[in-house]
Structures are given as structure tokens and as C-alpha cells.
C-alpha atoms as a PDB file:
ATOM      1  CA  MET A   1      83.899  77.369 107.589  1.00  0.00           C
ATOM      2  CA  LEU A   2      87.514  77.946 108.623  1.00  0.00           C
ATOM      3  CA  ARG A   3      89.619  80.766 107.210  1.00  0.00           C
ATOM      4  CA  VAL A   4      93.055  82.210 107.828  1.00  0.00           C
ATOM      5  CA  LYS A   5      93.020  85.020 110.375  1.00  0.00           C
ATOM      6  CA  GLU A   6      96.531  86.364 109.810  1.00  0.00           C
ATOM      7  CA  THR A   7      99.796  85.678 108.025  1.00  0.00           C
ATOM      8  CA  MET A   8     102.562  83.674 109.628  1.00  0.00           C
ATOM      9  CA  ALA A   9     106.116  85.020 109.934  1.00  0.00           C
ATOM     10  CA  ILE A  10     108.672  82.237 109.604  1.00  0.00           C
ATOM     11  CA  THR A  11     111.947  84.136 109.750  1.00  0.00           C
ATOM     12  CA  MET A  12     113.347  87.642 109.490  1.00  0.00           C
ATOM     13  CA  ILE A  13     115.166  88.625 106.301  1.00  0.00           C
ATOM     14  CA  ASP A  14     118.873  89.050 107.042  1.00  0.00           C
ATOM     15  CA  PRO A  15     120.126  90.741 103.853  1.00  0.00           C
ATOM     16  CA  VAL A  16     123.754  89.694 104.343  1.00  0.00           C
ATOM     17  CA  ASN A  17     122.839  86.052 104.901  1.00  0.00           C
ATOM     18  CA  VAL A  18     120.268  85.933 102.098  1.00  0.00           C
ATOM     19  CA  ALA A  19     122.655  87.532  99.588  1.00  0.00           C
ATOM     20  CA  ALA A  20     125.369  85.032 100.532  1.00  0.00           C
ATOM     21  CA  LYS A  21     123.327  81.822 100.412  1.00  0.00           C
ATOM     22  CA  ALA A  22     121.296  80.111  97.738  1.00  0.00           C
ATOM     23  CA  PHE A  23     117.910  78.736  98.795  1.00  0.00           C
ATOM     24  CA  GLU A  24     119.249  75.204  99.322  1.00  0.00           C
ATOM     25  CA  GLU A  25     121.716  76.530 101.953  1.00  0.00           C
ATOM     26  CA  SER A  26     119.366  79.103 103.490  1.00  0.00           C
ATOM     27  CA  HIS A  27     118.212  79.620 107.042  1.00  0.00           C
ATOM     28  CA  LEU A  28     114.667  79.737 105.661  1.00  0.00           C
ATOM     29  CA  LEU A  29     114.850  76.236 104.171  1.00  0.00           C
ATOM     30  CA  ALA A  30     116.403  74.872 107.375  1.00  0.00           C
ATOM     31  CA  LYS A  31     113.483  76.299 109.380  1.00  0.00           C
ATOM     32  CA  LEU A  32     110.860  75.059 106.920  1.00  0.00           C
ATOM     33  CA  ARG A  33     112.241  71.531 107.190  1.00  0.00           C
ATOM     34  CA  LYS A  34     111.520  71.592 110.939  1.00  0.00           C
ATOM     35  CA  ILE A  35     108.391  73.732 111.181  1.00  0.00           C
ATOM     36  CA  VAL A  36     105.192  72.434 112.706  1.00  0.00           C
ATOM     37  CA  VAL A  37     102.051  74.439 111.922  1.00  0.00           C
ATOM     38  CA  VAL A  38      99.430  74.596 114.650  1.00  0.00           C
ATOM     39  CA  ALA A  39      95.962  75.796 113.694  1.00  0.00           C
ATOM     40  CA  ARG A  40      93.568  76.962 116.354  1.00  0.00           C
ATOM     41  CA  ILE A  41      90.022  78.197 116.244  1.00  0.00           C
ATOM     42  CA  PHE A  42      89.705  81.922 116.965  1.00  0.00           C
ATOM     43  CA  ASP A  43      86.907  82.306 119.467  1.00  0.00           C
ATOM     44  CA  GLY A  44      86.809  86.088 119.779  1.00  0.00           C
ATOM     45  CA  GLN A  45      88.780  89.107 120.934  1.00  0.00           C
ATOM     46  CA  GLU A  46      88.524  88.057 124.584  1.00  0.00           C
ATOM     47  CA  GLU A  47      90.699  84.971 123.909  1.00  0.00           C
ATOM     48  CA  THR A  48      89.103  83.156 126.850  1.00  0.00           C
ATOM     49  CA  CYS A  49      89.970  79.813 125.316  1.00  0.00           C
ATOM     50  CA  SER A  50      91.989  78.351 122.471  1.00  0.00           C
ATOM     51  CA  ILE A  51      90.601  75.343 120.631  1.00  0.00           C
ATOM     52  CA  LEU A  52      93.172  73.252 118.787  1.00  0.00           C
ATOM     53  CA  HIS A  53      92.036  72.511 115.232  1.00  0.00           C
ATOM     54  CA  SER A  54      95.028  70.687 113.758  1.00  0.00           C
ATOM     55  CA  VAL A  55      98.777  70.180 113.802  1.00  0.00           C
ATOM     56  CA  ALA A  56     100.835  69.457 110.704  1.00  0.00           C
ATOM     57  CA  GLN A  57     104.394  69.491 109.460  1.00  0.00           C
ATOM     58  CA  PHE A  58     105.018  71.993 106.640  1.00  0.00           C
ATOM     59  CA  ASP A  59     104.993  69.907 103.451  1.00  0.00           C
ATOM     60  CA  LEU A  60     108.159  70.498 101.450  1.00  0.00           C
ATOM     61  CA  GLY A  61     107.560  67.190  99.669  1.00  0.00           C
ATOM     62  CA  ASP A  62     105.020  68.949  97.469  1.00  0.00           C
ATOM     63  CA  SER A  63     107.157  70.074  94.522  1.00  0.00           C
ATOM     64  CA  VAL A  64     104.798  72.943  93.650  1.00  0.00           C
ATOM     65  CA  THR A  65     105.099  74.412  97.155  1.00  0.00           C
ATOM     66  CA  TYR A  66     108.868  73.861  97.231  1.00  0.00           C
ATOM     67  CA  GLN A  67     109.373  75.554  93.859  1.00  0.00           C
ATOM     68  CA  GLN A  68     107.159  78.524  94.816  1.00  0.00           C
ATOM     69  CA  VAL A  69     108.989  79.100  98.105  1.00  0.00           C
ATOM     70  CA  LYS A  70     112.341  78.751  96.318  1.00  0.00           C
ATOM     71  CA  ALA A  71     111.283  81.207  93.580  1.00  0.00           C
ATOM     72  CA  ASP A  72     110.125  83.751  96.178  1.00  0.00           C
ATOM     73  CA  TYR A  73     113.409  83.414  98.093  1.00  0.00           C
ATOM     74  CA  GLU A  74     115.499  83.788  94.939  1.00  0.00           C
ATOM     75  CA  ASN A  75     113.443  86.819  93.878  1.00  0.00           C
ATOM     76  CA  VAL A  76     114.182  88.545  97.194  1.00  0.00           C
ATOM     77  CA  ARG A  77     117.819  87.410  97.049  1.00  0.00           C
ATOM     78  CA  GLU A  78     118.318  88.854  93.565  1.00  0.00           C
ATOM     79  CA  ALA A  79     116.742  92.146  94.674  1.00  0.00           C
ATOM     80  CA  ILE A  80     119.064  92.353  97.697  1.00  0.00           C
ATOM     81  CA  ILE A  81     122.117  91.658  95.540  1.00  0.00           C
ATOM     82  CA  ARG A  82     120.999  94.186  92.917  1.00  0.00           C
ATOM     83  CA  ASP A  83     119.502  96.925  95.116  1.00  0.00           C
ATOM     84  CA  GLY A  84     120.998  96.388  98.566  1.00  0.00           C
ATOM     85  CA  THR A  85     118.478  96.534 101.380  1.00  0.00           C
ATOM     86  CA  ASN A  86     116.077  98.743  99.407  1.00  0.00           C
ATOM     87  CA  PHE A  87     113.927  95.805  98.249  1.00  0.00           C
ATOM     88  CA  SER A  88     110.501  96.662  99.676  1.00  0.00           C
ATOM     89  CA  TRP A  89     109.131  96.964  96.121  1.00  0.00           C
ATOM     90  CA  VAL A  90     109.662  93.188  95.705  1.00  0.00           C
ATOM     91  CA  LEU A  91     107.598  92.365  98.780  1.00  0.00           C
ATOM     92  CA  PHE A  92     105.082  95.179  98.294  1.00  0.00           C
ATOM     93  CA  PRO A  93     104.473  95.759  94.562  1.00  0.00           C
ATOM     94  CA  SER A  94     102.757  99.093  95.220  1.00  0.00           C
ATOM     95  CA  ALA A  95     106.033 100.467  96.656  1.00  0.00           C
ATOM     96  CA  GLU A  96     108.163 102.597  94.383  1.00  0.00           C
ATOM     97  CA  LYS A  97     110.785 100.606  92.484  1.00  0.00           C
ATOM     98  CA  PRO A  98     114.295 102.116  92.680  1.00  0.00           C
ATOM     99  CA  ASN A  99     115.879 103.373  89.443  1.00  0.00           C
END
């Protein structure tokens, strides 16, 4: 059975850029439109080989995925606009929310 080993970072959050641009104009959406996801089989800590499992384009055609990514982006964007760069509580709910 395959499972995800770790999360995938797609882009850094640039607060100035994110605050200035809606999702449809964002650097994130531009990258997601071009991203190719490569899955490999983890064979152990030694990393003596890397077995290719699959290659796929990120599917933005799925409206559920598109709307979820957009909602997440807009949530972070609103937090940046409202709270400046102190928005870790949005990404990490256990963090203390600013007053």
C-alpha cells in the first residue's frame, strides 16, 4: 500500500504579493497550472535507488480541488491584509491568534 511520506511545498508565501493579488492573478495559481507531480517509491533511509511510481499534472480541472485551493489562498490573503505578516495562526491553528 502506498502512502504519502511528506508534504510538498509549492511556493513560498510572499506577503506583499499575496496581499496585492487575488487568487486568479496569483503566483500560486500560475505555478499550479504548470506543476507536474512525480511520485516515487521510498525504499529506505539509504536512498540507494529511486523507483518511479507515477507522473501526473496537478488537476485544476477538478472544481472541488480548485475551490479548496482558492479558499485556502484567500484565507491566508485575508489574514495577511488584516494582521500583516503575523498569520501563523491561520496555517497552524494551535498557534495563538493575535488580538
